[in-house]
Every structure is written in structure tokens, then in C-alpha cells.
């Protein structure tokens, strides 16, 4: 491979490199068309009303913690978002949770919207919550949309905006 960057003075400089192509190993993260792990997500009820235990967003996004994923999987479309607004390593978790709230206003009558925090007890030092471990996730945020048949329709990782979120929803609703 040869990269040819242009310097400030307009001169071109060649930078050779070698790339070794290897076979892609099987991604353990559930993909489009697969069934996701049937996990129990944290809800207002399971937290006995203690929203601070299950949500680092301020103000809390209570409406994203009312439904347990295992109770709706295979019954209706779902948008499952793994993100931690206050502890996010990538600093995009807060915005994607805000987008989830916007999408719930528009599509909430047609699908369930669920937010799951990333770290046990909302402490990075405690490690990942079991729900993330079941999905084999090591980063955040992640969005999975699942169709009514219980199959993943779309998955998004990292920074994504309203348009990507909407397309993921549409994939689950079709």
C-alpha cells in the first residue's frame, strides 16, 4: 500500500506500508438476522423506584426503564440501547440517550424503547453489567433494534445520529 499525503508546501511524499489480510474471526456480538440474548434489563420496578441505580442520565429517562427486554422480545419491535451518559468513555452516550427519548415520542406506540446502563452499580471499577456481557459488548454505546419476530434488524455502535437511529427503527418495523 502507498499513501501519498500532501505537505503544507504542496509537495507530495510517498509513505509505503504493508498490510496483512487475515480471515475475519467470528464476531461474538449478535448481528442482523440473529436472535439476541434473552436478557432481563433493569426497570423502575426491579430497582424499587431507585432510578439513580439504573440511569446515569440527568434528568432520569424514566420512560426508557419501564419495560423489561425479556418480556417484550419476540412480541413487539424493540430498540435496546446500551449507554452510560455520565460514565461514557466515548462521550456520546448522553446524546444517543437523548435521541432515544426523541424516537420514543415518535415511535413509542409501535415499539418498546429500553435503555440499559453499562457498569455494575454505575461504577466503572465494578465492571460491565451482565446484560452487556451476554451481548459480548466491551464498548459503548450500542443500539440494537429487534423486529417483532425477535430477530435483530439493525445494530449501531458508537456515535450515531437521528437519521441512523430512525433507519434502525424502520428496519425493525418493516
N, C-alpha and C. Protein backbone atom coordinates (compact mmCIF):
# COMPACT_ATOMS: atom_id res chain seq x y z
N UNK A 1 0.85 -1.15 0.00
CA UNK A 1 0.00 0.00 0.00
C UNK A 1 0.90 1.22 0.00
N UNK A 2 0.46 2.28 -0.68
CA UNK A 2 1.22 3.52 -0.72
C UNK A 2 0.28 4.67 -0.41
N UNK A 3 0.60 5.41 0.63
CA UNK A 3 -0.14 6.63 0.96
C UNK A 3 0.69 7.79 0.46
N UNK A 4 0.03 8.77 -0.16
CA UNK A 4 0.73 9.92 -0.70
C UNK A 4 0.10 11.19 -0.12
N UNK A 5 0.53 11.60 1.07
CA UNK A 5 -0.01 12.83 1.65
C UNK A 5 0.63 14.07 1.05
N UNK A 6 -0.14 15.13 1.07
CA UNK A 6 0.34 16.41 0.56
C UNK A 6 0.83 17.25 1.74
N UNK A 7 2.06 17.77 1.63
CA UNK A 7 2.61 18.59 2.70
C UNK A 7 2.11 20.03 2.57
N UNK A 8 2.37 20.84 3.61
CA UNK A 8 1.93 22.23 3.62
C UNK A 8 2.46 23.02 2.43
N UNK A 9 3.65 22.69 1.97
CA UNK A 9 4.25 23.42 0.84
C UNK A 9 3.77 22.89 -0.51
N UNK A 10 2.85 21.93 -0.49
CA UNK A 10 2.30 21.38 -1.72
C UNK A 10 3.03 20.16 -2.25
N UNK A 11 4.18 19.84 -1.67
CA UNK A 11 4.95 18.67 -2.13
C UNK A 11 4.25 17.39 -1.69
N UNK A 12 4.35 16.37 -2.53
CA UNK A 12 3.76 15.07 -2.23
C UNK A 12 4.86 14.15 -1.72
N UNK A 13 4.54 13.37 -0.68
CA UNK A 13 5.52 12.46 -0.09
C UNK A 13 4.90 11.07 -0.05
N UNK A 14 5.64 10.11 -0.58
CA UNK A 14 5.16 8.73 -0.57
C UNK A 14 5.50 8.05 0.75
N UNK A 15 4.55 7.31 1.28
CA UNK A 15 4.77 6.56 2.52
C UNK A 15 4.30 5.13 2.30
N UNK A 16 5.24 4.21 2.01
CA UNK A 16 4.83 2.82 1.76
C UNK A 16 4.49 2.10 3.06
N UNK A 17 3.59 1.12 2.94
CA UNK A 17 3.21 0.29 4.09
C UNK A 17 2.79 -1.07 3.57
N UNK A 18 2.85 -2.06 4.45
CA UNK A 18 2.37 -3.39 4.11
C UNK A 18 1.18 -3.71 5.00
N UNK A 19 0.21 -4.39 4.42
CA UNK A 19 -0.98 -4.79 5.14
C UNK A 19 -1.14 -6.28 4.99
N UNK A 20 -1.30 -6.98 6.07
CA UNK A 20 -1.54 -8.41 6.01
C UNK A 20 -3.03 -8.64 6.22
N UNK A 21 -3.67 -9.25 5.24
CA UNK A 21 -5.09 -9.53 5.32
C UNK A 21 -5.26 -10.92 5.90
N UNK A 22 -6.06 -10.99 6.96
CA UNK A 22 -6.33 -12.28 7.59
C UNK A 22 -7.83 -12.53 7.59
N UNK A 23 -8.20 -13.76 7.70
CA UNK A 23 -9.61 -14.11 7.74
C UNK A 23 -10.25 -13.50 8.98
N UNK A 24 -11.45 -12.97 8.79
CA UNK A 24 -12.17 -12.36 9.90
C UNK A 24 -12.66 -13.46 10.84
N UNK A 25 -12.37 -13.25 12.11
CA UNK A 25 -12.87 -14.21 13.09
C UNK A 25 -14.35 -13.93 13.33
N UNK A 26 -15.06 -14.92 13.80
CA UNK A 26 -16.49 -14.76 14.06
C UNK A 26 -16.69 -13.72 15.14
N UNK A 27 -17.49 -12.74 14.83
CA UNK A 27 -17.82 -11.68 15.77
C UNK A 27 -18.82 -12.25 16.78
N UNK A 28 -18.49 -12.23 18.06
CA UNK A 28 -19.41 -12.79 19.05
C UNK A 28 -20.61 -11.89 19.34
N UNK A 29 -20.55 -10.64 18.88
CA UNK A 29 -21.67 -9.71 19.11
C UNK A 29 -22.79 -10.08 18.16
N UNK A 30 -24.02 -10.22 18.69
CA UNK A 30 -25.15 -10.60 17.83
C UNK A 30 -25.31 -9.63 16.66
N UNK A 31 -25.59 -10.19 15.49
CA UNK A 31 -25.66 -9.40 14.27
C UNK A 31 -27.07 -9.44 13.68
N UNK A 32 -27.26 -8.63 12.66
CA UNK A 32 -28.54 -8.56 11.96
C UNK A 32 -28.96 -9.96 11.51
N UNK A 33 -30.22 -10.27 11.78
CA UNK A 33 -30.78 -11.57 11.41
C UNK A 33 -30.69 -12.61 12.51
N UNK A 34 -29.86 -12.37 13.49
CA UNK A 34 -29.71 -13.32 14.60
C UNK A 34 -30.66 -12.98 15.75
N UNK A 35 -30.88 -13.95 16.58
CA UNK A 35 -31.67 -13.72 17.80
C UNK A 35 -30.73 -13.17 18.87
N UNK A 36 -31.14 -12.11 19.55
CA UNK A 36 -30.30 -11.57 20.62
C UNK A 36 -30.41 -12.42 21.88
N UNK A 37 -29.48 -12.28 22.80
CA UNK A 37 -29.63 -12.99 24.08
C UNK A 37 -30.90 -12.51 24.79
N UNK A 38 -31.59 -13.41 25.42
CA UNK A 38 -32.82 -13.06 26.14
C UNK A 38 -32.42 -12.63 27.55
N UNK A 39 -32.11 -11.35 27.70
CA UNK A 39 -31.66 -10.83 28.99
C UNK A 39 -32.77 -10.05 29.68
N UNK A 40 -32.66 -9.99 30.97
CA UNK A 40 -33.56 -9.17 31.77
C UNK A 40 -32.88 -7.82 31.96
N UNK A 41 -33.53 -6.75 31.54
CA UNK A 41 -32.96 -5.41 31.70
C UNK A 41 -33.52 -4.76 32.96
N UNK A 42 -32.76 -3.80 33.47
CA UNK A 42 -33.16 -3.10 34.68
C UNK A 42 -34.36 -2.20 34.41
N UNK A 43 -35.32 -2.24 35.31
CA UNK A 43 -36.52 -1.41 35.19
C UNK A 43 -36.75 -0.63 36.49
N UNK A 44 -37.66 0.33 36.40
CA UNK A 44 -38.03 1.09 37.60
C UNK A 44 -38.51 0.12 38.67
N UNK A 45 -39.29 -0.88 38.27
CA UNK A 45 -39.80 -1.86 39.23
C UNK A 45 -38.68 -2.70 39.84
N UNK A 46 -37.74 -3.18 39.00
CA UNK A 46 -36.67 -4.04 39.54
C UNK A 46 -35.73 -3.24 40.43
N UNK A 47 -35.67 -1.92 40.23
CA UNK A 47 -34.83 -1.06 41.07
C UNK A 47 -35.60 -0.48 42.25
N UNK A 48 -36.83 -0.97 42.45
CA UNK A 48 -37.70 -0.49 43.54
C UNK A 48 -37.83 1.04 43.50
N UNK A 49 -37.91 1.59 42.28
CA UNK A 49 -38.09 3.02 42.12
C UNK A 49 -36.83 3.85 42.21
N UNK A 50 -35.68 3.23 42.50
CA UNK A 50 -34.42 3.96 42.64
C UNK A 50 -33.80 4.19 41.26
N UNK A 51 -34.23 5.23 40.58
CA UNK A 51 -33.74 5.49 39.23
C UNK A 51 -32.25 5.75 39.18
N UNK A 52 -31.67 6.31 40.22
CA UNK A 52 -30.23 6.56 40.25
C UNK A 52 -29.43 5.28 40.13
N UNK A 53 -30.00 4.15 40.52
CA UNK A 53 -29.32 2.86 40.45
C UNK A 53 -29.26 2.31 39.02
N UNK A 54 -30.17 2.79 38.15
CA UNK A 54 -30.26 2.21 36.81
C UNK A 54 -30.12 3.23 35.69
N UNK A 55 -29.85 4.49 36.02
CA UNK A 55 -29.77 5.52 35.00
C UNK A 55 -28.83 6.63 35.44
N UNK A 56 -27.79 6.88 34.64
CA UNK A 56 -26.88 7.98 34.96
C UNK A 56 -27.26 9.27 34.24
N UNK A 57 -28.29 9.23 33.43
CA UNK A 57 -28.73 10.47 32.76
C UNK A 57 -29.40 11.38 33.79
N UNK A 58 -29.17 12.70 33.63
CA UNK A 58 -29.85 13.68 34.46
C UNK A 58 -30.48 14.71 33.55
N UNK A 59 -31.77 14.94 33.62
CA UNK A 59 -32.71 14.21 34.47
C UNK A 59 -32.87 12.77 33.97
N UNK A 60 -33.36 11.91 34.86
CA UNK A 60 -33.52 10.49 34.53
C UNK A 60 -34.45 10.32 33.32
N UNK A 61 -34.20 9.25 32.57
CA UNK A 61 -35.06 8.90 31.44
C UNK A 61 -35.96 7.74 31.87
N UNK A 62 -36.84 8.03 32.82
CA UNK A 62 -37.72 7.01 33.40
C UNK A 62 -38.46 6.20 32.32
N UNK A 63 -38.90 6.88 31.29
CA UNK A 63 -39.70 6.22 30.26
C UNK A 63 -38.91 5.17 29.47
N UNK A 64 -37.58 5.17 29.60
CA UNK A 64 -36.76 4.15 28.94
C UNK A 64 -36.44 2.98 29.86
N UNK A 65 -37.02 2.99 31.06
CA UNK A 65 -36.77 1.94 32.05
C UNK A 65 -38.06 1.32 32.57
N UNK A 66 -39.09 1.37 31.78
CA UNK A 66 -40.38 0.85 32.23
C UNK A 66 -40.63 -0.58 31.77
N UNK A 67 -39.93 -1.01 30.72
CA UNK A 67 -40.17 -2.32 30.12
C UNK A 67 -38.92 -3.18 30.24
N UNK A 68 -39.11 -4.45 30.57
CA UNK A 68 -38.02 -5.42 30.64
C UNK A 68 -37.88 -6.07 29.26
N UNK A 69 -36.67 -6.06 28.74
CA UNK A 69 -36.40 -6.62 27.42
C UNK A 69 -36.92 -8.04 27.26
N UNK A 70 -36.68 -8.89 28.24
CA UNK A 70 -37.10 -10.31 28.11
C UNK A 70 -38.62 -10.44 28.01
N UNK A 71 -39.35 -9.46 28.51
CA UNK A 71 -40.82 -9.53 28.48
C UNK A 71 -41.41 -9.12 27.14
N UNK A 72 -40.67 -8.37 26.32
CA UNK A 72 -41.20 -7.92 25.03
C UNK A 72 -40.51 -8.57 23.84
N UNK A 73 -39.37 -9.20 24.07
CA UNK A 73 -38.65 -9.84 22.97
C UNK A 73 -39.53 -10.89 22.29
N UNK A 74 -39.66 -10.75 20.97
CA UNK A 74 -40.47 -11.69 20.20
C UNK A 74 -41.96 -11.39 20.23
N UNK A 75 -42.34 -10.32 20.92
CA UNK A 75 -43.76 -9.94 21.00
C UNK A 75 -44.04 -8.63 20.27
N UNK A 76 -43.05 -7.74 20.28
CA UNK A 76 -43.17 -6.46 19.59
C UNK A 76 -41.78 -5.96 19.25
N UNK A 77 -41.67 -5.04 18.31
CA UNK A 77 -40.35 -4.48 18.00
C UNK A 77 -39.76 -3.76 19.22
N UNK A 78 -38.42 -3.77 19.29
CA UNK A 78 -37.72 -3.18 20.43
C UNK A 78 -36.50 -2.41 19.95
N UNK A 79 -36.25 -1.27 20.61
CA UNK A 79 -34.98 -0.55 20.45
C UNK A 79 -34.28 -0.68 21.79
N UNK A 80 -33.18 -1.41 21.83
CA UNK A 80 -32.42 -1.65 23.06
C UNK A 80 -31.10 -0.89 22.97
N UNK A 81 -30.94 0.09 23.87
CA UNK A 81 -29.77 0.96 23.85
C UNK A 81 -28.91 0.72 25.09
N UNK A 82 -27.65 0.36 24.86
CA UNK A 82 -26.67 0.23 25.94
C UNK A 82 -25.83 1.50 25.93
N UNK A 83 -25.95 2.29 27.00
CA UNK A 83 -25.23 3.56 27.07
C UNK A 83 -25.15 4.02 28.52
N UNK A 84 -24.15 4.83 28.82
CA UNK A 84 -23.98 5.36 30.17
C UNK A 84 -23.64 6.85 30.11
N UNK A 85 -24.65 7.72 30.13
CA UNK A 85 -24.42 9.15 29.92
C UNK A 85 -23.35 9.78 30.81
N UNK A 86 -23.29 9.46 32.07
CA UNK A 86 -22.33 10.12 32.95
C UNK A 86 -20.94 9.47 32.93
N UNK A 87 -20.85 8.22 32.50
CA UNK A 87 -19.57 7.50 32.59
C UNK A 87 -19.02 7.09 31.23
N UNK A 88 -19.58 7.60 30.19
CA UNK A 88 -19.25 7.20 28.82
C UNK A 88 -17.80 7.50 28.47
N UNK A 89 -17.09 6.49 28.00
CA UNK A 89 -15.71 6.66 27.58
C UNK A 89 -15.62 7.45 26.27
N UNK A 90 -16.63 7.32 25.41
CA UNK A 90 -16.61 7.99 24.11
C UNK A 90 -17.31 9.35 24.13
N UNK A 91 -17.98 9.68 25.20
CA UNK A 91 -18.68 10.96 25.38
C UNK A 91 -19.86 11.14 24.44
N UNK A 92 -20.37 10.07 23.87
CA UNK A 92 -21.54 10.20 23.00
C UNK A 92 -22.77 9.50 23.57
N UNK A 93 -22.66 8.92 24.74
CA UNK A 93 -23.78 8.19 25.33
C UNK A 93 -24.95 9.11 25.68
N UNK A 94 -24.66 10.27 26.26
CA UNK A 94 -25.72 11.21 26.61
C UNK A 94 -26.54 11.59 25.39
N UNK A 95 -25.88 12.03 24.31
CA UNK A 95 -26.65 12.40 23.12
C UNK A 95 -27.48 11.25 22.53
N UNK A 96 -26.97 10.02 22.53
CA UNK A 96 -27.76 8.94 21.93
C UNK A 96 -28.95 8.56 22.82
N UNK A 97 -28.81 8.72 24.13
CA UNK A 97 -29.97 8.50 25.01
C UNK A 97 -31.01 9.59 24.76
N UNK A 98 -30.56 10.82 24.55
CA UNK A 98 -31.49 11.90 24.21
C UNK A 98 -32.21 11.61 22.90
N UNK A 99 -31.50 11.06 21.93
CA UNK A 99 -32.13 10.69 20.66
C UNK A 99 -33.15 9.58 20.89
N UNK A 100 -32.83 8.63 21.76
CA UNK A 100 -33.78 7.55 22.07
C UNK A 100 -35.07 8.13 22.64
N UNK A 101 -34.96 9.13 23.48
CA UNK A 101 -36.16 9.78 24.02
C UNK A 101 -36.97 10.44 22.91
N UNK A 102 -36.30 11.09 21.97
CA UNK A 102 -37.00 11.69 20.83
C UNK A 102 -37.70 10.63 19.99
N UNK A 103 -36.99 9.53 19.73
CA UNK A 103 -37.55 8.46 18.91
C UNK A 103 -38.74 7.80 19.62
N UNK A 104 -38.67 7.68 20.93
CA UNK A 104 -39.78 7.10 21.69
C UNK A 104 -41.03 7.96 21.55
N UNK A 105 -40.86 9.27 21.53
CA UNK A 105 -42.01 10.15 21.35
C UNK A 105 -42.69 9.89 20.01
N UNK A 106 -41.90 9.62 19.01
CA UNK A 106 -42.47 9.42 17.67
C UNK A 106 -42.93 7.98 17.42
N UNK A 107 -42.15 6.99 17.89
CA UNK A 107 -42.43 5.60 17.56
C UNK A 107 -42.84 4.75 18.76
N UNK A 108 -42.96 5.35 19.93
CA UNK A 108 -43.24 4.59 21.16
C UNK A 108 -44.53 3.80 21.15
N UNK A 109 -45.50 4.19 20.33
CA UNK A 109 -46.73 3.42 20.23
C UNK A 109 -46.57 2.15 19.41
N UNK A 110 -45.46 2.06 18.67
CA UNK A 110 -45.26 0.92 17.77
C UNK A 110 -44.16 -0.03 18.21
N UNK A 111 -43.32 0.43 19.15
CA UNK A 111 -42.23 -0.43 19.61
C UNK A 111 -41.81 -0.02 21.01
N UNK A 112 -41.12 -0.93 21.69
CA UNK A 112 -40.61 -0.66 23.04
C UNK A 112 -39.23 -0.01 22.93
N UNK A 113 -38.96 0.94 23.81
CA UNK A 113 -37.67 1.60 23.89
C UNK A 113 -37.08 1.33 25.26
N UNK A 114 -35.87 0.76 25.27
CA UNK A 114 -35.23 0.35 26.53
C UNK A 114 -33.80 0.86 26.56
N UNK A 115 -33.44 1.45 27.69
CA UNK A 115 -32.06 1.89 27.93
C UNK A 115 -31.48 1.04 29.05
N UNK A 116 -30.28 0.53 28.85
CA UNK A 116 -29.56 -0.25 29.86
C UNK A 116 -28.22 0.41 30.12
N UNK A 117 -27.96 0.69 31.38
CA UNK A 117 -26.66 1.25 31.77
C UNK A 117 -25.56 0.22 31.53
N UNK A 118 -24.32 0.69 31.53
CA UNK A 118 -23.18 -0.13 31.15
C UNK A 118 -22.48 -0.80 32.34
N UNK A 119 -22.24 -0.04 33.40
CA UNK A 119 -21.41 -0.55 34.51
C UNK A 119 -22.25 -0.95 35.73
N UNK A 120 -21.83 -2.05 36.35
CA UNK A 120 -22.48 -2.51 37.59
C UNK A 120 -22.46 -1.39 38.62
N UNK A 121 -23.58 -1.19 39.27
CA UNK A 121 -23.71 -0.16 40.31
C UNK A 121 -23.28 1.22 39.82
N UNK A 122 -23.29 1.42 38.52
CA UNK A 122 -22.86 2.68 37.90
C UNK A 122 -21.46 3.10 38.36
N UNK A 123 -20.60 2.10 38.50
CA UNK A 123 -19.20 2.31 38.88
C UNK A 123 -18.32 1.59 37.87
N UNK A 124 -17.47 2.32 37.17
CA UNK A 124 -16.58 1.73 36.17
C UNK A 124 -15.76 0.60 36.80
N UNK A 125 -15.31 0.80 38.03
CA UNK A 125 -14.45 -0.18 38.70
C UNK A 125 -15.16 -1.51 38.97
N UNK A 126 -16.48 -1.52 38.89
CA UNK A 126 -17.25 -2.74 39.15
C UNK A 126 -17.41 -3.62 37.90
N UNK A 127 -16.98 -3.12 36.77
CA UNK A 127 -17.07 -3.90 35.54
C UNK A 127 -18.42 -3.77 34.85
N UNK A 128 -18.53 -4.48 33.76
CA UNK A 128 -19.73 -4.40 32.93
C UNK A 128 -20.91 -5.15 33.55
N UNK A 129 -22.09 -4.61 33.31
CA UNK A 129 -23.32 -5.29 33.75
C UNK A 129 -23.46 -6.60 32.97
N UNK A 130 -24.16 -7.55 33.56
CA UNK A 130 -24.31 -8.86 32.90
C UNK A 130 -25.01 -8.79 31.54
N UNK A 131 -25.86 -7.80 31.35
CA UNK A 131 -26.56 -7.67 30.07
C UNK A 131 -25.56 -7.39 28.94
N UNK A 132 -24.57 -6.54 29.20
CA UNK A 132 -23.54 -6.27 28.19
C UNK A 132 -22.68 -7.49 27.96
N UNK A 133 -22.38 -8.21 29.03
CA UNK A 133 -21.58 -9.42 28.90
C UNK A 133 -22.32 -10.46 28.04
N UNK A 134 -23.62 -10.56 28.21
CA UNK A 134 -24.41 -11.51 27.42
C UNK A 134 -24.36 -11.17 25.93
N UNK A 135 -24.27 -9.88 25.61
CA UNK A 135 -24.18 -9.43 24.22
C UNK A 135 -22.73 -9.37 23.74
N UNK A 136 -21.76 -9.67 24.61
CA UNK A 136 -20.33 -9.63 24.30
C UNK A 136 -19.85 -8.21 23.94
N UNK A 137 -20.42 -7.22 24.60
CA UNK A 137 -20.05 -5.84 24.34
C UNK A 137 -18.94 -5.39 25.28
N UNK A 138 -17.97 -4.69 24.73
CA UNK A 138 -16.85 -4.16 25.51
C UNK A 138 -16.77 -2.64 25.42
N UNK A 139 -17.61 -2.05 24.57
CA UNK A 139 -17.60 -0.61 24.34
C UNK A 139 -19.02 -0.09 24.48
N UNK A 140 -19.14 1.23 24.40
CA UNK A 140 -20.45 1.83 24.44
C UNK A 140 -20.42 3.13 23.66
N UNK A 141 -21.54 3.57 23.14
CA UNK A 141 -22.88 2.98 23.19
C UNK A 141 -23.13 1.99 22.06
N UNK A 142 -24.14 1.18 22.25
CA UNK A 142 -24.62 0.23 21.25
C UNK A 142 -26.14 0.34 21.17
N UNK A 143 -26.68 0.27 19.97
CA UNK A 143 -28.12 0.21 19.76
C UNK A 143 -28.43 -1.04 18.95
N UNK A 144 -29.38 -1.80 19.45
CA UNK A 144 -29.91 -2.94 18.70
C UNK A 144 -31.39 -2.69 18.51
N UNK A 145 -31.86 -2.81 17.27
CA UNK A 145 -33.31 -2.83 17.07
C UNK A 145 -33.67 -4.25 16.69
N UNK A 146 -34.76 -4.70 17.26
CA UNK A 146 -35.19 -6.09 17.10
C UNK A 146 -36.62 -6.07 16.56
N UNK A 147 -36.89 -6.89 15.56
CA UNK A 147 -38.24 -6.92 15.00
C UNK A 147 -39.18 -7.74 15.88
N UNK A 148 -40.45 -7.75 15.52
CA UNK A 148 -41.46 -8.43 16.35
C UNK A 148 -41.24 -9.94 16.41
N UNK A 149 -40.47 -10.49 15.47
CA UNK A 149 -40.18 -11.92 15.48
C UNK A 149 -38.99 -12.26 16.37
N UNK A 150 -38.38 -11.24 16.98
CA UNK A 150 -37.27 -11.48 17.89
C UNK A 150 -35.91 -11.60 17.21
N UNK A 151 -35.77 -11.02 16.02
CA UNK A 151 -34.51 -11.04 15.29
C UNK A 151 -33.94 -9.62 15.19
N UNK A 152 -32.64 -9.51 15.27
CA UNK A 152 -32.00 -8.20 15.19
C UNK A 152 -32.19 -7.64 13.78
N UNK A 153 -32.73 -6.42 13.73
CA UNK A 153 -32.97 -5.76 12.45
C UNK A 153 -31.84 -4.80 12.11
N UNK A 154 -31.21 -4.23 13.14
CA UNK A 154 -30.09 -3.30 12.93
C UNK A 154 -29.26 -3.24 14.20
N UNK A 155 -27.97 -2.93 14.04
CA UNK A 155 -27.11 -2.70 15.19
C UNK A 155 -26.19 -1.54 14.86
N UNK A 156 -26.05 -0.64 15.81
CA UNK A 156 -25.21 0.53 15.66
C UNK A 156 -24.27 0.61 16.84
N UNK A 157 -23.03 0.99 16.57
CA UNK A 157 -22.03 1.14 17.63
C UNK A 157 -21.43 2.53 17.55
N UNK A 158 -21.19 3.11 18.72
CA UNK A 158 -20.50 4.39 18.78
C UNK A 158 -21.42 5.56 18.53
N UNK A 159 -20.87 6.58 17.90
CA UNK A 159 -21.62 7.81 17.65
C UNK A 159 -22.56 7.62 16.48
N UNK A 160 -23.83 7.88 16.71
CA UNK A 160 -24.81 7.86 15.63
C UNK A 160 -25.84 8.93 15.91
N UNK A 161 -26.47 9.39 14.85
CA UNK A 161 -27.42 10.48 14.98
C UNK A 161 -28.85 10.06 14.75
N UNK A 162 -29.70 11.07 14.62
CA UNK A 162 -31.13 10.85 14.45
C UNK A 162 -31.42 10.01 13.21
N UNK A 163 -30.78 10.31 12.10
CA UNK A 163 -31.08 9.60 10.85
C UNK A 163 -30.72 8.12 10.95
N UNK A 164 -29.56 7.81 11.53
CA UNK A 164 -29.16 6.40 11.68
C UNK A 164 -30.12 5.68 12.63
N UNK A 165 -30.48 6.35 13.70
CA UNK A 165 -31.41 5.75 14.68
C UNK A 165 -32.75 5.48 14.00
N UNK A 166 -33.24 6.45 13.23
CA UNK A 166 -34.52 6.29 12.54
C UNK A 166 -34.47 5.12 11.55
N UNK A 167 -33.37 5.01 10.81
CA UNK A 167 -33.25 3.89 9.86
C UNK A 167 -33.25 2.55 10.60
N UNK A 168 -32.59 2.49 11.76
CA UNK A 168 -32.58 1.26 12.56
C UNK A 168 -34.00 0.92 13.03
N UNK A 169 -34.75 1.93 13.41
CA UNK A 169 -36.15 1.71 13.83
C UNK A 169 -36.96 1.19 12.65
N UNK A 170 -36.82 1.84 11.51
CA UNK A 170 -37.57 1.42 10.33
C UNK A 170 -37.26 -0.03 9.95
N UNK A 171 -36.01 -0.43 10.12
CA UNK A 171 -35.63 -1.81 9.82
C UNK A 171 -36.39 -2.78 10.73
N UNK A 172 -36.60 -2.40 11.97
CA UNK A 172 -37.31 -3.27 12.91
C UNK A 172 -38.82 -3.25 12.68
N UNK A 173 -39.34 -2.16 12.19
CA UNK A 173 -40.78 -2.05 11.98
C UNK A 173 -41.24 -2.66 10.66
N UNK A 174 -40.33 -2.81 9.71
CA UNK A 174 -40.70 -3.39 8.39
C UNK A 174 -40.84 -4.88 8.45
